[in-house]
Amino acid sequence: MKSRVIFTLMLVFTLAACSTKMSYYFLDWAIEWELDDYVSFDKSQQQAFDKVLDEFILWHQKDELPRYVAQLDNLKAQMQSNTLTPALWADHVNYAQSHWFRLFDYVFDGILPIIQSLSDKQVEHLIAKLKEDEAETVAEYAGKSQAELVKDSDKRLEERAEKWLGKLSDKQKAMIHDSNTTRLATLDMWLEYRHEWLRQFEQALRQRSDTELLASRLRQLMMAPHTLRSQAHQDAIRVNQENFGRLVMDIYRDLSDKQRKKLWREYDALTEDLRELAQEAAQ
C-alpha cells in the first residue's frame, strides 16, 4: 500500500522532478516537512529520527541510486532493441517495488524503537490523519461509472506521457483509451486492500508495546503487502501491468522523430543526474 504513512516518506524523492539533483539535496527537508502532517515528535524522538534519516540518505545515495541507474539503462536497452515485452515490463515494475522493500529493511531497526515510543496521543493523531486520507480517496472515486473512470485515467496518462514525449497524436491518445478500456476492473479490490492495510497498521500501533509482534506486523505491511490482497486481485494486477507494458511499446513504436528525441533527452538527463549523485557519494 502506498499510504502516506511516516515510513513511506522515505520515498518523497520523485524521479520525475524538474531537477532531480536539486530535489535530492533537499530530500531530508522534504521528508521532515511531510512528516509533520502526520506526527509531531518530541525532542528525543526527533533526534533519533534525524539520525536514522541522515544515515538513510547517505546509504541511499551511495548504494541504491546505482541500482536505479542500472534498471533505467536496462529498460532503455530493451526499448531501443525492441525486446521489451509486456511480461518484461511487469517484471520491471515488480523489481522497482523491491527497491522500496530494501529501503524499509534498511531503516527498520532504527525506526522500530521510535514507533514504540509514540504516545497514545501521537498514535491517535497519526491514525486519524491516515483515515482522513482514506476517506478522501474513497470520496474521489465514489459514484463514478466505469466510463468516467476510464476518462479520468485517459487524462492522467496523456498528461504524464506529454511530459516525456511532447504533444500526443490522436492515434496515440486512442491507444491510451483502448488500453484503459481493456484494463481489468480492480478499484473495489484496491479500496478494500487499502482499508485492510490501514486496519492492520492501526492494530499494530495499538499493540506496539509487544516488540516481536510489532516487528512482525510492520515487516508484513511494509515488505509483503501483497499478502493482504486476494489472489484475484494479484492476478488482475499482473494482467494490467502487462497490458500497460504493451501500451508503452505500442506508443514507442509510433513516436515521431521529435517525440523520440524528447523522450531520450529527458530520460538520459534523469539517468545522468542519478549517476552523478551516486558518484558523489562514492568519492
Protein backbone atom coordinates (compact mmCIF):
# COMPACT_ATOMS: atom_id res chain seq x y z
CA MET A 1 0.00 0.00 0.00
CA LYS A 2 1.28 3.41 -0.93
CA SER A 3 -0.36 5.07 2.02
CA ARG A 4 1.36 8.20 3.16
CA VAL A 5 2.41 6.79 6.49
CA ILE A 6 5.56 8.15 8.05
CA PHE A 7 7.75 5.40 6.69
CA THR A 8 6.76 5.88 3.06
CA LEU A 9 8.02 9.42 3.37
CA MET A 10 11.38 7.86 2.61
CA LEU A 11 10.10 7.84 -0.97
CA VAL A 12 9.32 11.53 -1.20
CA PHE A 13 12.08 11.82 -3.77
CA THR A 14 10.37 11.60 -7.15
CA LEU A 15 12.31 10.58 -10.23
CA ALA A 16 10.25 12.83 -12.47
CA ALA A 17 11.21 16.01 -10.66
CA CYS A 18 12.17 19.04 -12.71
CA SER A 19 15.62 18.99 -11.17
CA THR A 20 16.46 15.57 -9.81
CA LYS A 21 19.74 16.61 -8.23
CA MET A 22 18.24 19.67 -6.57
CA SER A 23 15.35 17.59 -5.25
CA TYR A 24 17.77 15.09 -3.78
CA TYR A 25 19.79 17.75 -2.00
CA PHE A 26 16.59 18.85 -0.23
CA LEU A 27 15.33 15.32 0.43
CA ASP A 28 15.82 15.48 4.20
CA TRP A 29 13.87 18.74 4.39
CA ALA A 30 11.04 17.35 2.24
CA ILE A 31 10.70 14.27 4.43
CA GLU A 32 10.63 16.33 7.61
CA TRP A 33 8.06 18.71 6.10
CA GLU A 34 5.72 15.91 5.02
CA LEU A 35 6.19 14.01 8.26
CA ASP A 36 4.95 16.90 10.36
CA ASP A 37 1.44 16.47 8.92
CA TYR A 38 1.21 13.01 10.46
CA VAL A 39 3.11 13.06 13.73
CA SER A 40 4.94 15.63 15.85
CA PHE A 41 7.95 14.09 17.57
CA ASP A 42 9.22 15.09 20.97
CA LYS A 43 12.88 16.06 21.30
CA SER A 44 14.30 12.58 21.85
CA GLN A 45 12.18 11.07 19.08
CA GLN A 46 13.25 13.81 16.69
CA GLN A 47 16.92 13.24 17.48
CA ALA A 48 16.54 9.51 16.90
CA PHE A 49 14.66 10.08 13.65
CA ASP A 50 17.22 12.60 12.39
CA LYS A 51 19.99 10.06 12.97
CA VAL A 52 18.09 7.38 11.04
CA LEU A 53 17.31 9.85 8.26
CA ASP A 54 20.90 11.08 7.89
CA GLU A 55 22.22 7.52 7.68
CA PHE A 56 19.47 6.54 5.27
CA ILE A 57 20.16 9.36 2.81
CA LEU A 58 23.89 8.59 2.69
CA TRP A 59 23.22 4.88 2.19
CA HIS A 60 20.52 5.51 -0.41
CA GLN A 61 22.69 7.83 -2.47
CA LYS A 62 25.69 5.50 -2.37
CA ASP A 63 24.09 2.06 -2.60
CA GLU A 64 20.60 2.44 -4.03
CA LEU A 65 20.93 5.04 -6.77
CA PRO A 66 23.29 2.79 -8.77
CA ARG A 67 20.52 0.18 -8.76
CA TYR A 68 18.09 2.71 -10.22
CA VAL A 69 20.59 3.69 -12.89
CA ALA A 70 21.19 0.05 -13.81
CA GLN A 71 17.48 -0.61 -14.15
CA LEU A 72 16.94 2.52 -16.24
CA ASP A 73 19.85 1.56 -18.50
CA ASN A 74 18.43 -1.94 -18.89
CA LEU A 75 14.95 -0.65 -19.67
CA LYS A 76 16.32 1.75 -22.29
CA ALA A 77 18.32 -1.02 -23.96
CA GLN A 78 15.25 -3.24 -24.14
CA MET A 79 13.11 -0.47 -25.59
CA GLN A 80 15.66 0.55 -28.20
CA SER A 81 16.30 -3.05 -29.25
CA ASN A 82 12.56 -3.73 -29.38
CA THR A 83 12.97 -6.63 -26.96
CA LEU A 84 10.76 -5.23 -24.18
CA THR A 85 7.71 -7.46 -23.79
CA PRO A 86 4.61 -7.00 -21.63
CA ALA A 87 5.95 -9.65 -19.24
CA LEU A 88 9.35 -7.95 -19.00
CA TRP A 89 7.63 -4.63 -18.29
CA ALA A 90 5.70 -6.24 -15.44
CA ASP A 91 8.98 -7.64 -14.14
CA HIS A 92 10.45 -4.13 -14.19
CA VAL A 93 7.50 -2.87 -12.14
CA ASN A 94 7.99 -5.63 -9.59
CA TYR A 95 11.72 -5.00 -9.43
CA ALA A 96 11.08 -1.30 -8.85
CA GLN A 97 8.83 -2.27 -5.94
CA SER A 98 11.71 -4.28 -4.47
CA HIS A 99 13.64 -1.01 -4.14
CA TRP A 100 11.02 0.11 -1.62
CA PHE A 101 11.33 -3.12 0.37
CA ARG A 102 15.08 -2.59 0.71
CA LEU A 103 14.51 0.97 1.96
CA PHE A 104 12.24 -0.21 4.73
CA ASP A 105 14.55 -3.09 5.60
CA TYR A 106 17.44 -0.64 5.96
CA VAL A 107 15.66 1.77 8.32
CA PHE A 108 13.67 -0.86 10.19
CA ASP A 109 15.92 -1.32 13.21
CA GLY A 110 16.24 2.44 13.70
CA ILE A 111 12.55 3.20 13.20
CA LEU A 112 11.10 0.42 15.36
CA PRO A 113 12.05 1.95 18.76
CA ILE A 114 10.72 5.33 17.62
CA ILE A 115 7.37 3.75 16.83
CA GLN A 116 7.29 2.04 20.19
CA SER A 117 7.98 5.35 21.92
CA LEU A 118 4.97 7.08 20.36
CA SER A 119 2.44 8.28 22.90
CA ASP A 120 -1.24 7.39 22.67
CA LYS A 121 -1.91 10.97 21.58
CA GLN A 122 0.63 10.74 18.76
CA VAL A 123 -0.82 7.44 17.58
CA GLU A 124 -4.37 8.81 17.65
CA HIS A 125 -3.34 11.79 15.52
CA LEU A 126 -1.46 9.61 13.05
CA ILE A 127 -4.33 7.15 12.63
CA ALA A 128 -6.88 9.96 12.34
CA LYS A 129 -4.85 11.57 9.55
CA LEU A 130 -4.48 8.30 7.68
CA LYS A 131 -8.22 7.64 7.95
CA GLU A 132 -8.85 11.14 6.65
CA ASP A 133 -6.63 10.34 3.66
CA GLU A 134 -8.52 7.10 3.10
CA ALA A 135 -11.89 8.87 3.21
CA GLU A 136 -10.68 11.41 0.65
CA THR A 137 -9.56 8.60 -1.65
CA VAL A 138 -12.91 6.81 -1.36
CA ALA A 139 -14.78 10.07 -2.00
CA GLU A 140 -12.68 10.71 -5.09
CA TYR A 141 -13.99 7.56 -6.74
CA ALA A 142 -17.46 7.27 -5.17
CA GLY A 143 -20.34 7.15 -7.64
CA LYS A 144 -18.19 7.22 -10.77
CA SER A 145 -19.18 5.00 -13.66
CA GLN A 146 -16.64 2.84 -15.48
CA ALA A 147 -16.74 5.29 -18.39
CA GLU A 148 -15.90 8.17 -16.04
CA LEU A 149 -13.04 6.21 -14.51
CA VAL A 150 -11.65 5.48 -17.97
CA LYS A 151 -11.93 9.14 -18.91
CA ASP A 152 -10.03 10.17 -15.78
CA SER A 153 -7.35 7.59 -16.47
CA ASP A 154 -7.05 8.75 -20.08
CA LYS A 155 -6.44 12.30 -18.89
CA ARG A 156 -3.82 11.29 -16.32
CA LEU A 157 -1.89 9.10 -18.74
CA GLU A 158 -1.99 11.68 -21.51
CA GLU A 159 -0.61 14.34 -19.17
CA ARG A 160 2.18 12.06 -17.97
CA ALA A 161 3.06 10.96 -21.48
CA GLU A 162 3.23 14.52 -22.77
CA LYS A 163 5.76 15.46 -20.09
CA TRP A 164 8.11 12.92 -21.64
CA LEU A 165 7.06 12.99 -25.29
CA GLY A 166 5.51 16.36 -26.02
CA LYS A 167 2.14 16.69 -27.74
CA LEU A 168 0.46 13.35 -28.45
CA SER A 169 -1.16 12.49 -31.76
CA ASP A 170 -4.80 11.47 -31.97
CA LYS A 171 -3.65 7.94 -32.72
CA GLN A 172 -1.54 7.83 -29.57
CA LYS A 173 -4.42 9.16 -27.48
CA ALA A 174 -6.61 6.44 -28.96
CA MET A 175 -4.02 3.85 -27.93
CA ILE A 176 -4.22 5.09 -24.35
CA HIS A 177 -8.00 4.98 -24.39
CA ASP A 178 -8.10 1.47 -25.86
CA SER A 179 -5.64 0.27 -23.25
CA ASN A 180 -7.68 1.75 -20.42
CA THR A 181 -10.90 0.19 -21.68
CA THR A 182 -9.30 -3.27 -21.66
CA ARG A 183 -7.90 -2.97 -18.13
CA LEU A 184 -9.40 -5.35 -15.61
CA ALA A 185 -11.51 -3.55 -13.01
CA THR A 186 -9.67 -3.56 -9.68
CA LEU A 187 -10.95 -0.42 -7.96
CA ASP A 188 -13.15 -2.17 -5.41
CA MET A 189 -10.42 -4.70 -4.60
CA TRP A 190 -7.86 -1.90 -4.31
CA LEU A 191 -10.01 0.12 -1.91
CA GLU A 192 -10.72 -2.98 0.16
CA TYR A 193 -6.99 -3.75 0.27
CA ARG A 194 -6.13 -0.20 1.37
CA HIS A 195 -8.75 -0.39 4.12
CA GLU A 196 -7.44 -3.72 5.39
CA TRP A 197 -3.85 -2.42 5.32
CA LEU A 198 -4.81 0.57 7.44
CA ARG A 199 -6.84 -1.59 9.82
CA GLN A 200 -3.85 -3.85 10.44
CA PHE A 201 -1.47 -0.90 10.70
CA GLU A 202 -3.69 0.66 13.36
CA GLN A 203 -3.86 -2.63 15.22
CA ALA A 204 -0.07 -2.93 15.15
CA LEU A 205 0.39 0.57 16.57
CA ARG A 206 -2.13 0.00 19.34
CA GLN A 207 -0.21 -3.12 20.41
CA ARG A 208 3.21 -1.54 19.94
CA SER A 209 4.41 -2.50 23.42
CA ASP A 210 4.91 -6.06 22.13
CA THR A 211 8.18 -5.64 20.23
CA GLU A 212 8.15 -9.01 18.49
CA LEU A 213 4.53 -8.67 17.38
CA LEU A 214 5.03 -5.09 16.19
CA ALA A 215 8.13 -6.00 14.19
CA SER A 216 6.39 -8.96 12.55
CA ARG A 217 3.34 -6.94 11.56
CA LEU A 218 5.29 -3.98 10.23
CA ARG A 219 7.52 -6.21 8.14
CA GLN A 220 4.47 -7.80 6.58
CA LEU A 221 2.72 -4.49 5.95
CA MET A 222 5.77 -2.76 4.50
CA MET A 223 7.66 -5.59 2.84
CA ALA A 224 4.97 -8.14 1.91
CA PRO A 225 1.78 -6.10 1.41
CA HIS A 226 0.73 -8.42 -1.42
CA THR A 227 -0.23 -10.96 1.26
CA LEU A 228 -3.21 -8.74 2.08
CA ARG A 229 -4.51 -8.93 -1.49
CA SER A 230 -6.76 -11.70 -2.72
CA GLN A 231 -5.37 -13.99 -5.39
CA ALA A 232 -7.87 -12.50 -7.84
CA HIS A 233 -6.52 -9.04 -7.09
CA GLN A 234 -2.90 -10.14 -7.53
CA ASP A 235 -3.73 -11.85 -10.82
CA ALA A 236 -5.56 -8.77 -12.10
CA ILE A 237 -2.64 -6.53 -11.16
CA ARG A 238 -0.26 -8.69 -13.19
CA VAL A 239 -2.59 -8.67 -16.20
CA ASN A 240 -2.90 -4.89 -16.00
CA GLN A 241 0.86 -4.44 -15.64
CA GLU A 242 1.41 -6.43 -18.80
CA ASN A 243 -1.37 -4.52 -20.53
CA PHE A 244 0.38 -1.25 -19.68
CA GLY A 245 3.71 -2.63 -20.92
CA ARG A 246 2.04 -3.41 -24.23
CA LEU A 247 0.80 0.18 -24.39
CA VAL A 248 4.29 1.54 -23.67
CA MET A 249 5.79 -0.37 -26.59
CA ASP A 250 2.90 0.39 -28.95
CA ILE A 251 3.29 4.11 -28.33
CA TYR A 252 7.09 3.88 -28.52
CA ARG A 253 6.91 2.31 -31.97
CA ASP A 254 4.56 5.09 -33.08
CA LEU A 255 6.72 8.00 -31.88
CA SER A 256 7.69 10.73 -34.29
CA ASP A 257 11.38 11.63 -34.55
CA LYS A 258 10.68 14.74 -32.47
CA GLN A 259 8.94 12.76 -29.75
CA ARG A 260 11.67 10.13 -29.68
CA LYS A 261 14.38 12.76 -29.30
CA LYS A 262 12.50 14.42 -26.45
CA LEU A 263 11.93 11.11 -24.68
CA TRP A 264 15.58 10.13 -24.66
CA ARG A 265 16.73 13.65 -23.85
CA GLU A 266 14.54 13.66 -20.73
CA TYR A 267 15.37 10.05 -19.90
CA ASP A 268 19.12 10.48 -20.28
CA ALA A 269 19.10 13.66 -18.21
CA LEU A 270 17.37 11.81 -15.38
CA THR A 271 19.74 8.85 -15.59
CA GLU A 272 22.80 11.09 -15.66
CA ASP A 273 21.63 13.06 -12.63
CA LEU A 274 21.19 9.84 -10.68
CA ARG A 275 24.57 8.56 -11.86
CA GLU A 276 26.33 11.76 -10.77
CA LEU A 277 24.62 11.71 -7.37
CA ALA A 278 25.78 8.13 -6.82
CA GLN A 279 29.33 9.01 -7.87
CA GLU A 280 29.40 11.96 -5.47
CA ALA A 281 28.57 9.65 -2.58
CA ALA A 282 31.23 7.16 -3.62
CA GLN A 283 34.04 9.73 -3.57
